[in-house]
Amino acid sequence: MGAIFHVNTDDLPWSDYAGPKGTPSDIRYKALTYGAEGVPPVQFIEYGPGQTDPVHRHDIGEFFIVTHGEIWLDDDCTTAGGVVFIPADTDYAVRAGD
């Protein structure tokens, strides 16, 4: 039987994503499960108003749980309390609401 994993977000520092060619970005994150063996990757991500994350993909599926504000994927808006799932190897871009 495996061990239960837990983490308090207040115990972790924020890290900043770099924009294109290393420019500053208004996206920051906390890698909640980084280095936890056998635990799926989970991050807390905060987008600044109107901040965009360019088209990209991941080799694993990804969930977005919107806690505040809104995010846009193409023409679809998801607001606080909404959930988005993006399957592995799917191209997508995110834009934060205002």
N, C-alpha and C. Protein backbone atom coordinates (compact mmCIF):
# COMPACT_ATOMS: atom_id res chain seq x y z
N MET A 1 0.85 -1.17 0.00
CA MET A 1 0.00 0.00 0.00
C MET A 1 0.90 1.24 0.00
N GLY A 2 0.51 2.25 -0.79
CA GLY A 2 1.31 3.46 -0.92
C GLY A 2 1.08 4.43 0.22
N ALA A 3 1.97 5.40 0.30
CA ALA A 3 1.86 6.45 1.31
C ALA A 3 0.94 7.56 0.81
N ILE A 4 0.23 8.17 1.73
CA ILE A 4 -0.62 9.31 1.39
C ILE A 4 0.26 10.53 1.21
N PHE A 5 0.01 11.27 0.14
CA PHE A 5 0.76 12.50 -0.13
C PHE A 5 -0.11 13.69 0.23
N HIS A 6 0.48 14.70 0.84
CA HIS A 6 -0.24 15.95 1.09
C HIS A 6 0.75 17.10 1.03
N VAL A 7 0.24 18.27 0.68
CA VAL A 7 1.06 19.46 0.62
C VAL A 7 0.17 20.67 0.90
N ASN A 8 0.72 21.67 1.55
CA ASN A 8 0.04 22.94 1.78
C ASN A 8 0.64 23.96 0.83
N THR A 9 -0.18 24.57 0.01
CA THR A 9 0.34 25.50 -0.99
C THR A 9 1.10 26.67 -0.35
N ASP A 10 0.73 27.06 0.85
CA ASP A 10 1.44 28.16 1.52
C ASP A 10 2.88 27.81 1.87
N ASP A 11 3.20 26.52 1.89
CA ASP A 11 4.56 26.08 2.22
C ASP A 11 5.50 26.10 1.02
N LEU A 12 4.97 26.37 -0.17
CA LEU A 12 5.78 26.34 -1.38
C LEU A 12 5.95 27.73 -1.97
N PRO A 13 7.11 28.00 -2.56
CA PRO A 13 7.33 29.31 -3.18
C PRO A 13 6.69 29.38 -4.56
N TRP A 14 6.41 30.60 -5.01
CA TRP A 14 5.98 30.83 -6.39
C TRP A 14 7.21 30.84 -7.28
N SER A 15 7.06 30.35 -8.49
CA SER A 15 8.09 30.45 -9.53
C SER A 15 7.45 31.14 -10.73
N ASP A 16 8.24 31.88 -11.49
CA ASP A 16 7.74 32.60 -12.65
C ASP A 16 8.08 31.87 -13.92
N TYR A 17 7.10 31.78 -14.84
CA TYR A 17 7.37 31.29 -16.18
C TYR A 17 8.05 32.40 -16.96
N ALA A 18 9.00 32.04 -17.76
CA ALA A 18 9.61 33.01 -18.67
C ALA A 18 8.79 33.07 -19.94
N GLY A 19 8.66 34.25 -20.51
CA GLY A 19 7.96 34.42 -21.77
C GLY A 19 8.86 34.05 -22.93
N PRO A 20 8.46 34.38 -24.16
CA PRO A 20 9.28 34.08 -25.34
C PRO A 20 10.67 34.69 -25.22
N LYS A 21 11.65 33.89 -25.54
CA LYS A 21 13.06 34.30 -25.52
C LYS A 21 13.47 34.86 -24.16
N GLY A 22 12.88 34.28 -23.08
CA GLY A 22 13.29 34.66 -21.74
C GLY A 22 12.70 35.95 -21.20
N THR A 23 11.75 36.54 -21.91
CA THR A 23 11.15 37.79 -21.44
C THR A 23 10.26 37.51 -20.22
N PRO A 24 10.04 38.51 -19.38
CA PRO A 24 9.18 38.30 -18.20
C PRO A 24 7.76 37.94 -18.61
N SER A 25 7.08 37.22 -17.75
CA SER A 25 5.72 36.78 -18.02
C SER A 25 4.88 37.03 -16.78
N ASP A 26 3.57 37.22 -16.96
CA ASP A 26 2.66 37.35 -15.84
C ASP A 26 2.01 36.01 -15.51
N ILE A 27 2.78 34.95 -15.65
CA ILE A 27 2.31 33.62 -15.27
C ILE A 27 3.26 33.10 -14.21
N ARG A 28 2.69 32.68 -13.08
CA ARG A 28 3.54 32.09 -12.05
C ARG A 28 2.89 30.79 -11.60
N TYR A 29 3.71 29.94 -10.95
CA TYR A 29 3.20 28.61 -10.60
C TYR A 29 3.86 28.09 -9.33
N LYS A 30 3.18 27.11 -8.74
CA LYS A 30 3.73 26.33 -7.64
C LYS A 30 3.64 24.87 -8.07
N ALA A 31 4.77 24.20 -8.12
CA ALA A 31 4.81 22.79 -8.51
C ALA A 31 4.46 21.94 -7.29
N LEU A 32 3.19 21.66 -7.11
CA LEU A 32 2.71 21.05 -5.87
C LEU A 32 3.22 19.64 -5.63
N THR A 33 3.37 18.85 -6.68
CA THR A 33 3.77 17.45 -6.49
C THR A 33 5.15 17.15 -7.05
N TYR A 34 5.92 18.18 -7.39
CA TYR A 34 7.24 17.97 -8.00
C TYR A 34 8.10 17.07 -7.10
N GLY A 35 8.64 16.02 -7.69
CA GLY A 35 9.53 15.11 -6.97
C GLY A 35 8.83 14.07 -6.12
N ALA A 36 7.50 14.08 -6.08
CA ALA A 36 6.77 13.10 -5.28
C ALA A 36 6.57 11.83 -6.10
N GLU A 37 7.27 10.79 -5.75
CA GLU A 37 7.23 9.54 -6.50
C GLU A 37 5.84 8.91 -6.45
N GLY A 38 5.32 8.52 -7.63
CA GLY A 38 4.04 7.86 -7.73
C GLY A 38 2.84 8.78 -7.64
N VAL A 39 3.08 10.10 -7.62
CA VAL A 39 1.99 11.08 -7.52
C VAL A 39 1.90 11.82 -8.85
N PRO A 40 0.70 11.94 -9.43
CA PRO A 40 0.57 12.65 -10.71
C PRO A 40 1.04 14.10 -10.58
N PRO A 41 1.54 14.69 -11.66
CA PRO A 41 1.99 16.09 -11.60
C PRO A 41 0.81 17.04 -11.41
N VAL A 42 0.92 17.92 -10.43
CA VAL A 42 -0.10 18.93 -10.15
C VAL A 42 0.59 20.25 -9.92
N GLN A 43 0.10 21.30 -10.58
CA GLN A 43 0.64 22.64 -10.40
C GLN A 43 -0.50 23.60 -10.10
N PHE A 44 -0.20 24.62 -9.31
CA PHE A 44 -1.10 25.73 -9.12
C PHE A 44 -0.56 26.83 -10.01
N ILE A 45 -1.36 27.30 -10.98
CA ILE A 45 -0.89 28.30 -11.93
C ILE A 45 -1.75 29.54 -11.82
N GLU A 46 -1.10 30.68 -11.80
CA GLU A 46 -1.81 31.96 -11.74
C GLU A 46 -1.43 32.78 -12.97
N TYR A 47 -2.45 33.14 -13.76
CA TYR A 47 -2.25 33.96 -14.95
C TYR A 47 -2.60 35.40 -14.62
N GLY A 48 -1.79 36.34 -15.06
CA GLY A 48 -2.13 37.75 -14.94
C GLY A 48 -3.26 38.08 -15.91
N PRO A 49 -3.95 39.21 -15.68
CA PRO A 49 -5.06 39.59 -16.56
C PRO A 49 -4.64 39.63 -18.03
N GLY A 50 -5.40 38.93 -18.88
CA GLY A 50 -5.14 38.92 -20.32
C GLY A 50 -3.89 38.17 -20.74
N GLN A 51 -3.18 37.55 -19.80
CA GLN A 51 -1.93 36.84 -20.12
C GLN A 51 -2.23 35.64 -21.01
N THR A 52 -1.38 35.39 -21.98
CA THR A 52 -1.55 34.25 -22.87
C THR A 52 -0.41 33.26 -22.70
N ASP A 53 -0.73 32.03 -22.89
CA ASP A 53 0.23 30.94 -22.90
C ASP A 53 0.20 30.42 -24.33
N PRO A 54 1.29 30.51 -25.09
CA PRO A 54 1.24 30.17 -26.52
C PRO A 54 0.89 28.71 -26.78
N VAL A 55 0.56 28.43 -28.03
CA VAL A 55 0.20 27.06 -28.42
C VAL A 55 1.33 26.12 -28.04
N HIS A 56 0.94 25.05 -27.36
CA HIS A 56 1.89 24.02 -26.94
C HIS A 56 1.12 22.73 -26.69
N ARG A 57 1.83 21.70 -26.28
CA ARG A 57 1.21 20.40 -25.98
C ARG A 57 2.03 19.71 -24.90
N HIS A 58 1.43 18.72 -24.27
CA HIS A 58 2.11 17.91 -23.26
C HIS A 58 1.94 16.44 -23.60
N ASP A 59 2.85 15.60 -23.11
CA ASP A 59 2.75 14.17 -23.40
C ASP A 59 1.85 13.43 -22.41
N ILE A 60 1.24 14.16 -21.48
CA ILE A 60 0.23 13.60 -20.59
C ILE A 60 -0.99 14.52 -20.60
N GLY A 61 -2.14 13.99 -20.25
CA GLY A 61 -3.35 14.81 -20.17
C GLY A 61 -3.22 15.85 -19.06
N GLU A 62 -4.03 16.90 -19.16
CA GLU A 62 -3.92 18.00 -18.21
C GLU A 62 -5.31 18.52 -17.84
N PHE A 63 -5.53 18.72 -16.54
CA PHE A 63 -6.76 19.32 -16.03
C PHE A 63 -6.49 20.76 -15.64
N PHE A 64 -7.45 21.63 -15.91
CA PHE A 64 -7.47 22.99 -15.38
C PHE A 64 -8.70 23.07 -14.48
N ILE A 65 -8.53 23.48 -13.25
CA ILE A 65 -9.63 23.75 -12.35
C ILE A 65 -9.56 25.25 -12.09
N VAL A 66 -10.54 25.98 -12.56
CA VAL A 66 -10.51 27.44 -12.46
C VAL A 66 -11.06 27.84 -11.09
N THR A 67 -10.22 28.52 -10.29
CA THR A 67 -10.63 28.91 -8.94
C THR A 67 -11.07 30.37 -8.87
N HIS A 68 -10.52 31.22 -9.74
CA HIS A 68 -10.89 32.63 -9.79
C HIS A 68 -10.83 33.09 -11.25
N GLY A 69 -11.63 34.07 -11.61
CA GLY A 69 -11.55 34.65 -12.95
C GLY A 69 -12.05 33.71 -14.01
N GLU A 70 -11.37 33.75 -15.17
CA GLU A 70 -11.78 32.92 -16.30
C GLU A 70 -10.58 32.65 -17.19
N ILE A 71 -10.65 31.52 -17.90
CA ILE A 71 -9.65 31.20 -18.91
C ILE A 71 -10.37 30.90 -20.21
N TRP A 72 -9.68 31.20 -21.30
CA TRP A 72 -10.19 30.97 -22.65
C TRP A 72 -9.30 29.98 -23.36
N LEU A 73 -9.91 29.00 -24.00
CA LEU A 73 -9.23 28.09 -24.92
C LEU A 73 -10.02 28.21 -26.22
N ASP A 74 -9.38 28.80 -27.22
CA ASP A 74 -10.07 29.16 -28.47
C ASP A 74 -11.24 30.08 -28.12
N ASP A 75 -12.46 29.73 -28.52
CA ASP A 75 -13.63 30.58 -28.25
C ASP A 75 -14.41 30.13 -27.02
N ASP A 76 -13.88 29.17 -26.27
CA ASP A 76 -14.58 28.64 -25.11
C ASP A 76 -14.05 29.26 -23.82
N CYS A 77 -14.96 29.82 -23.03
CA CYS A 77 -14.61 30.45 -21.76
C CYS A 77 -15.01 29.53 -20.61
N THR A 78 -14.11 29.35 -19.66
CA THR A 78 -14.41 28.59 -18.45
C THR A 78 -14.21 29.53 -17.26
N THR A 79 -15.21 29.63 -16.42
CA THR A 79 -15.18 30.55 -15.29
C THR A 79 -14.93 29.80 -13.98
N ALA A 80 -14.82 30.57 -12.89
CA ALA A 80 -14.54 29.99 -11.57
C ALA A 80 -15.50 28.85 -11.26
N GLY A 81 -14.95 27.74 -10.83
CA GLY A 81 -15.72 26.53 -10.55
C GLY A 81 -15.75 25.57 -11.71
N GLY A 82 -15.26 25.99 -12.89
CA GLY A 82 -15.26 25.14 -14.08
C GLY A 82 -14.01 24.28 -14.16
N VAL A 83 -14.12 23.23 -14.94
CA VAL A 83 -13.02 22.28 -15.15
C VAL A 83 -12.83 22.08 -16.65
N VAL A 84 -11.57 22.03 -17.08
CA VAL A 84 -11.21 21.75 -18.47
C VAL A 84 -10.24 20.57 -18.46
N PHE A 85 -10.43 19.63 -19.37
CA PHE A 85 -9.47 18.54 -19.55
C PHE A 85 -8.92 18.61 -20.96
N ILE A 86 -7.60 18.56 -21.08
CA ILE A 86 -6.93 18.57 -22.38
C ILE A 86 -6.19 17.24 -22.51
N PRO A 87 -6.57 16.40 -23.48
CA PRO A 87 -5.91 15.11 -23.65
C PRO A 87 -4.43 15.26 -24.03
N ALA A 88 -3.67 14.24 -23.76
CA ALA A 88 -2.25 14.21 -24.12
C ALA A 88 -2.09 14.48 -25.61
N ASP A 89 -0.99 15.12 -25.98
CA ASP A 89 -0.62 15.39 -27.37
C ASP A 89 -1.65 16.22 -28.13
N THR A 90 -2.33 17.12 -27.43
CA THR A 90 -3.31 18.03 -28.04
C THR A 90 -2.75 19.44 -28.02
N ASP A 91 -2.68 20.09 -29.18
CA ASP A 91 -2.22 21.47 -29.23
C ASP A 91 -3.28 22.39 -28.63
N TYR A 92 -2.85 23.32 -27.78
CA TYR A 92 -3.79 24.28 -27.20
C TYR A 92 -3.04 25.52 -26.73
N ALA A 93 -3.78 26.59 -26.55
CA ALA A 93 -3.26 27.83 -25.99
C ALA A 93 -4.28 28.34 -24.98
N VAL A 94 -3.81 29.02 -23.95
CA VAL A 94 -4.66 29.55 -22.90
C VAL A 94 -4.55 31.06 -22.89
N ARG A 95 -5.69 31.73 -22.70
CA ARG A 95 -5.68 33.17 -22.46
C ARG A 95 -6.50 33.43 -21.21
N ALA A 96 -5.93 34.18 -20.28
CA ALA A 96 -6.66 34.56 -19.08
C ALA A 96 -7.64 35.66 -19.39
N GLY A 97 -8.72 35.70 -18.65
CA GLY A 97 -9.68 36.80 -18.78
C GLY A 97 -9.10 38.06 -18.17
N ASP A 98 -9.88 39.12 -18.25
CA ASP A 98 -9.43 40.40 -17.71
C ASP A 98 -9.46 40.40 -16.20
